[in-house]
Protein backbone atom coordinates (compact mmCIF):
# COMPACT_ATOMS: atom_id res chain seq x y z
CA MET A 1 13.17 43.71 -70.81
CA ASN A 2 13.01 45.48 -67.49
CA PRO A 3 9.25 45.30 -66.80
CA PHE A 4 9.43 48.76 -65.23
CA LYS A 5 11.21 50.08 -68.16
CA ALA A 6 8.43 48.39 -70.28
CA ARG A 7 5.68 49.95 -68.40
CA MET A 8 7.21 53.49 -68.63
CA ALA A 9 7.27 53.01 -72.75
CA ARG A 10 3.52 52.35 -72.87
CA ASP A 11 0.68 54.48 -73.09
CA GLY A 12 -0.52 55.95 -69.60
CA MET A 13 1.00 56.65 -66.38
CA VAL A 14 3.11 54.36 -64.00
CA THR A 15 2.23 55.17 -60.24
CA ALA A 16 4.26 54.32 -57.41
CA ALA A 17 4.49 54.91 -53.47
CA TRP A 18 7.41 56.01 -51.42
CA ALA A 19 9.28 53.57 -48.88
CA GLU A 20 10.92 55.89 -46.31
CA LEU A 21 11.17 53.69 -43.04
CA GLY A 22 13.63 51.19 -44.15
CA ASN A 23 11.68 48.16 -43.49
CA ALA A 24 11.25 45.21 -45.92
CA ASP A 25 7.72 44.02 -44.10
CA VAL A 26 6.28 47.55 -44.36
CA ALA A 27 7.14 47.71 -48.24
CA GLU A 28 6.09 44.11 -48.72
CA ILE A 29 2.78 45.24 -47.08
CA MET A 30 2.45 47.97 -49.63
CA VAL A 31 2.88 45.91 -52.71
CA ARG A 32 0.39 43.37 -51.43
CA HIS A 33 -2.22 46.21 -50.87
CA GLY A 34 -2.57 48.11 -54.20
CA TRP A 35 1.18 49.59 -54.53
CA PRO A 36 2.94 47.44 -56.87
CA THR A 37 5.63 49.93 -57.61
CA ILE A 38 7.90 51.09 -54.58
CA VAL A 39 10.38 53.92 -54.68
CA ILE A 40 12.84 53.35 -51.95
CA ASP A 41 13.91 56.58 -51.03
CA GLY A 42 17.66 56.69 -50.37
CA GLU A 43 17.80 60.35 -50.23
CA HIS A 44 15.62 61.17 -47.19
CA GLY A 45 14.31 57.74 -46.02
CA ILE A 46 16.22 55.22 -43.40
CA GLY A 47 18.83 52.82 -44.12
CA GLU A 48 21.88 52.16 -46.29
CA LEU A 49 22.52 50.11 -49.50
CA GLU A 50 22.17 46.72 -47.84
CA VAL A 51 18.80 47.66 -46.12
CA TRP A 52 17.72 48.60 -49.40
CA VAL A 53 18.90 45.36 -51.13
CA GLY A 54 16.64 43.65 -48.28
CA MET A 55 13.67 45.75 -49.16
CA ALA A 56 14.07 45.22 -53.01
CA ARG A 57 14.08 41.32 -52.46
CA ALA A 58 10.70 41.61 -50.35
CA ILE A 59 9.07 43.99 -52.91
CA GLU A 60 10.00 41.55 -55.76
CA ALA A 61 9.07 38.39 -53.94
CA ALA A 62 5.56 40.12 -53.47
CA GLY A 63 5.37 40.73 -57.39
CA GLY A 64 6.36 44.28 -57.18
CA GLU A 65 8.81 46.64 -58.92
CA VAL A 66 11.63 48.60 -57.30
CA VAL A 67 13.05 52.31 -58.02
CA LEU A 68 15.62 53.36 -56.10
CA ARG A 69 16.26 57.14 -55.33
CA LEU A 70 20.03 57.21 -54.60
CA PRO A 71 21.24 59.53 -51.95
CA ASP A 72 23.47 61.28 -54.47
CA GLY A 73 24.99 60.83 -57.95
CA SER A 74 28.54 60.16 -57.15
CA ASP A 75 30.33 57.35 -59.13
CA THR A 76 30.84 55.15 -56.07
CA THR A 77 27.38 55.46 -55.05
CA VAL A 78 26.00 54.58 -58.57
CA LYS A 79 28.39 51.72 -59.01
CA ARG A 80 27.77 50.12 -55.81
CA ALA A 81 24.11 50.37 -56.34
CA ILE A 82 23.78 49.04 -59.84
CA ASP A 83 26.18 46.03 -58.97
CA ARG A 84 24.00 45.21 -56.08
CA GLY A 85 20.91 44.78 -58.63
CA PHE A 86 18.82 47.72 -58.88
CA ARG A 87 17.75 48.64 -62.25
CA ASN A 88 15.64 51.93 -61.88
CA PHE A 89 17.06 54.88 -60.53
CA ILE A 90 16.29 58.65 -59.67
CA VAL A 91 19.27 60.59 -59.00
CA PRO A 92 18.70 63.91 -57.05
CA MET A 93 20.17 67.36 -57.47
CA VAL A 94 21.08 67.43 -61.16
CA ASN A 95 21.83 71.00 -62.27
CA SER A 96 24.09 70.73 -65.24
CA ALA A 97 24.50 68.71 -68.46
CA LYS A 98 28.27 68.24 -67.37
CA GLN A 99 26.74 66.40 -64.05
CA ALA A 100 24.30 64.68 -66.02
CA GLN A 101 26.83 63.27 -68.51
CA SER A 102 29.13 62.06 -65.62
CA ILE A 103 26.28 60.42 -64.01
CA VAL A 104 25.13 58.46 -66.90
CA ASP A 105 28.65 57.39 -67.60
CA SER A 106 28.68 55.87 -64.29
CA PHE A 107 26.03 53.42 -65.32
CA ARG A 108 27.70 52.17 -68.39
CA TYR A 109 30.62 50.02 -69.06
CA PRO A 110 33.23 51.09 -71.24
CA SER A 111 33.45 52.21 -73.82
CA ARG A 112 30.14 53.72 -73.47
CA GLY A 113 31.22 55.01 -69.99
CA LYS A 114 33.37 54.57 -67.02
CA ARG A 115 31.64 51.72 -64.96
CA GLY A 116 33.85 49.48 -63.15
CA TYR A 117 33.80 45.67 -64.24
CA ALA A 118 32.82 42.99 -61.99
CA ALA A 119 30.02 41.58 -63.98
CA PRO A 120 30.39 37.82 -63.39
CA ILE A 121 30.03 38.05 -59.53
CA ILE A 122 27.64 40.57 -58.79
CA ARG A 123 23.99 40.19 -57.91
CA ALA A 124 23.13 42.42 -61.08
CA SER A 125 23.95 39.63 -63.25
CA ASP A 126 22.15 36.93 -61.32
CA TRP A 127 25.69 36.13 -59.71
CA GLY A 128 26.93 35.44 -63.57
CA VAL A 129 23.96 33.57 -64.74
CA ARG A 130 23.14 36.25 -67.29
CA THR A 131 26.26 35.69 -69.36
CA GLY A 132 25.46 38.57 -71.68
CA TYR A 133 24.69 41.10 -69.05
CA ALA A 134 27.93 43.40 -69.50
CA LEU A 135 27.48 43.41 -73.25
CA ASP A 136 24.04 44.62 -73.68
CA GLU A 137 21.68 43.82 -70.64
CA ALA A 138 23.65 46.39 -68.27
CA HIS A 139 22.75 49.40 -70.55
CA ASP A 140 19.50 48.26 -71.93
CA ASP A 141 17.74 47.33 -68.84
CA VAL A 142 18.51 50.39 -66.66
CA VAL A 143 16.28 53.56 -66.26
CA ILE A 144 17.93 56.54 -65.18
CA MET A 145 15.87 59.39 -64.03
CA LEU A 146 17.53 62.60 -63.31
CA GLN A 147 16.00 64.93 -60.84
CA CYS A 148 15.30 68.61 -61.82
CA GLU A 149 14.76 70.48 -58.50
CA HIS A 150 16.74 73.77 -58.69
CA VAL A 151 16.57 77.11 -60.77
CA ASP A 152 19.80 76.28 -61.78
CA ALA A 153 18.66 72.84 -63.42
CA VAL A 154 15.99 74.63 -65.11
CA ALA A 155 18.11 77.30 -66.53
CA ASN A 156 20.33 74.16 -68.01
CA LEU A 157 17.67 72.04 -68.88
CA ALA A 158 17.73 71.97 -72.70
CA GLU A 159 21.49 71.12 -72.31
CA ILE A 160 20.59 68.31 -69.63
CA VAL A 161 17.90 66.53 -71.74
CA ALA A 162 20.35 66.39 -74.69
CA VAL A 163 22.80 64.17 -72.95
CA PRO A 164 22.24 60.45 -74.25
CA GLY A 165 21.18 57.78 -71.93
CA ILE A 166 18.49 59.73 -69.72
CA ASP A 167 15.41 57.87 -69.41
CA ALA A 168 13.25 60.68 -67.94
CA ILE A 169 13.48 64.03 -66.05
CA PHE A 170 11.80 63.84 -62.45
CA ILE A 171 10.64 67.14 -60.86
CA GLY A 172 11.10 67.58 -57.48
CA PRO A 173 8.74 70.65 -56.85
CA ASN A 174 9.49 71.04 -53.15
CA ASP A 175 13.29 71.88 -53.54
CA LEU A 176 12.36 73.52 -56.79
CA ALA A 177 10.08 76.06 -54.88
CA ALA A 178 12.77 76.43 -52.14
CA SER A 179 15.46 77.45 -54.75
CA ALA A 180 13.20 79.89 -55.96
CA GLY A 181 12.79 81.43 -52.51
CA HIS A 182 9.20 79.86 -52.01
CA LEU A 183 9.81 76.95 -49.49
CA GLU A 184 6.62 75.03 -49.12
CA ARG A 185 4.83 77.23 -51.41
CA MET A 186 4.75 75.31 -54.54
CA ASP A 187 1.68 77.10 -55.52
CA HIS A 188 3.45 80.22 -55.95
CA ALA A 189 3.09 81.60 -59.45
CA GLU A 190 6.63 81.55 -59.96
CA VAL A 191 6.94 77.93 -58.98
CA GLN A 192 4.15 77.09 -61.35
CA ALA A 193 5.69 79.23 -64.11
CA LEU A 194 8.92 77.03 -63.48
CA LEU A 195 6.99 73.86 -63.91
CA LYS A 196 5.49 74.86 -67.18
CA GLN A 197 8.91 75.85 -68.43
CA ILE A 198 10.37 72.43 -67.50
CA GLU A 199 7.30 70.49 -69.24
CA ALA A 200 7.73 72.93 -72.50
CA VAL A 201 11.40 72.04 -72.62
CA THR A 202 11.20 68.45 -72.04
CA ALA A 203 8.09 68.17 -74.50
CA LYS A 204 10.24 69.83 -77.16
CA ALA A 205 13.10 67.43 -76.74
CA GLY A 206 10.52 64.10 -76.55
CA MET A 207 12.12 63.63 -72.85
CA PRO A 208 9.69 61.68 -70.51
CA LEU A 209 8.66 63.40 -67.68
CA ALA A 210 7.93 62.15 -63.74
CA THR A 211 7.53 63.80 -60.55
CA ILE A 212 5.45 63.58 -57.20
CA VAL A 213 1.59 64.07 -56.64
CA GLY A 214 1.61 67.85 -55.48
CA ALA A 215 2.18 71.33 -56.40
CA GLY A 216 -1.64 71.65 -57.17
CA ARG A 217 -1.44 68.56 -59.30
CA SER A 218 -3.68 65.46 -58.60
CA TRP A 219 -2.87 62.00 -60.40
CA ALA A 220 -5.45 62.69 -62.88
CA ASP A 221 -3.87 66.01 -63.49
CA LEU A 222 -0.40 64.60 -64.10
CA GLU A 223 -1.73 61.86 -66.54
CA ARG A 224 -3.42 64.36 -68.49
CA LEU A 225 -0.15 66.48 -68.71
CA GLY A 226 1.58 63.37 -70.13
CA TYR A 227 3.56 62.47 -67.31
CA ARG A 228 5.07 58.93 -67.49
CA PHE A 229 5.60 58.33 -63.76
CA ALA A 230 4.10 59.87 -60.29
CA VAL A 231 4.81 58.87 -56.84
CA GLY A 232 2.31 59.82 -54.32
CA VAL A 233 2.09 58.61 -50.75
CA ASN A 234 4.61 57.29 -48.58
CA ASP A 235 4.75 54.58 -45.65
CA VAL A 236 5.09 57.38 -43.06
CA SER A 237 2.02 59.33 -43.98
CA MET A 238 0.21 56.14 -44.29
CA LEU A 239 0.94 55.25 -40.87
CA ILE A 240 0.33 58.83 -39.43
CA ASP A 241 -2.91 59.28 -41.16
CA SER A 242 -4.10 55.68 -40.20
CA ALA A 243 -2.86 56.43 -36.29
CA ARG A 244 -4.65 59.70 -36.47
CA ARG A 245 -8.13 58.63 -38.04
CA LEU A 246 -8.22 55.35 -35.53
CA ALA A 247 -7.59 57.75 -32.57
CA ALA A 248 -10.24 60.11 -33.62
CA GLU A 249 -12.64 57.17 -34.11
CA ARG A 250 -11.51 55.82 -30.81
CA ASP A 251 -11.98 59.39 -29.01
CA GLY A 252 -15.43 59.81 -30.83
CA MET A 253 -16.67 56.63 -29.12
CA THR A 254 -15.05 56.90 -25.55
CA GLY A 255 -14.08 60.40 -25.03
CA PRO A 256 -10.15 61.42 -25.09
CA THR A 257 -7.87 59.29 -22.89
CA SER A 258 -5.03 60.61 -20.74
CA ASP A 259 -3.25 57.22 -20.35
CA ALA A 260 -2.34 56.90 -24.02
CA GLY A 261 -4.07 53.47 -24.03
CA TYR A 262 -1.75 51.67 -21.41
């Protein structure tokens, strides 16, 4: 079984870091130093599909697991990403059950869906080595997390989670806050109420939840609330934080410099 899917099914919460810079070496370093699950951010990060494939190879070679956040949920985007060997997905901006059904269908071969067939010659089947790929593995191994990040999605969530084939709902609290008129104010009472509404609807449906660390919720808070997957730090912020800390350490010892270190 897909090891990430197996971990999601066990007790406890899977934690991860974002990869935004589109760099295989950076992603590998993160795996080697305590972040074995990496979410490649195809929505807001740098790079295109083949860049992400190269990153995935580096992450997996280092012993890590990869989740890809797609830039969108179109049939073409899904088809190309799954053929190239990705198995764990976050799909952004899903606001209706009709949209959710179309996305799930894009991941599945007929008669379960509408995915185009090329199983013997794609990376997803290990270039044809996995001879049973199209019949069973292609469906059983995939993790599909649909992102709930708009007030419209919250209003339609009961219908969305009823679509077969969804593995988790991924809350995007920043965009959710913005859609409610509270950009960069995730702590606003209305946003917090929306988060609780999502949690109630998914709990009733038995649908796992995933999200980012933030909106007033720490790693421990999210685990206590029953979230199955949480993404926290990212490579850009790691670099910024380290650069600032080391610059402050330098200035504390030597005084500020005007030559930028050259």
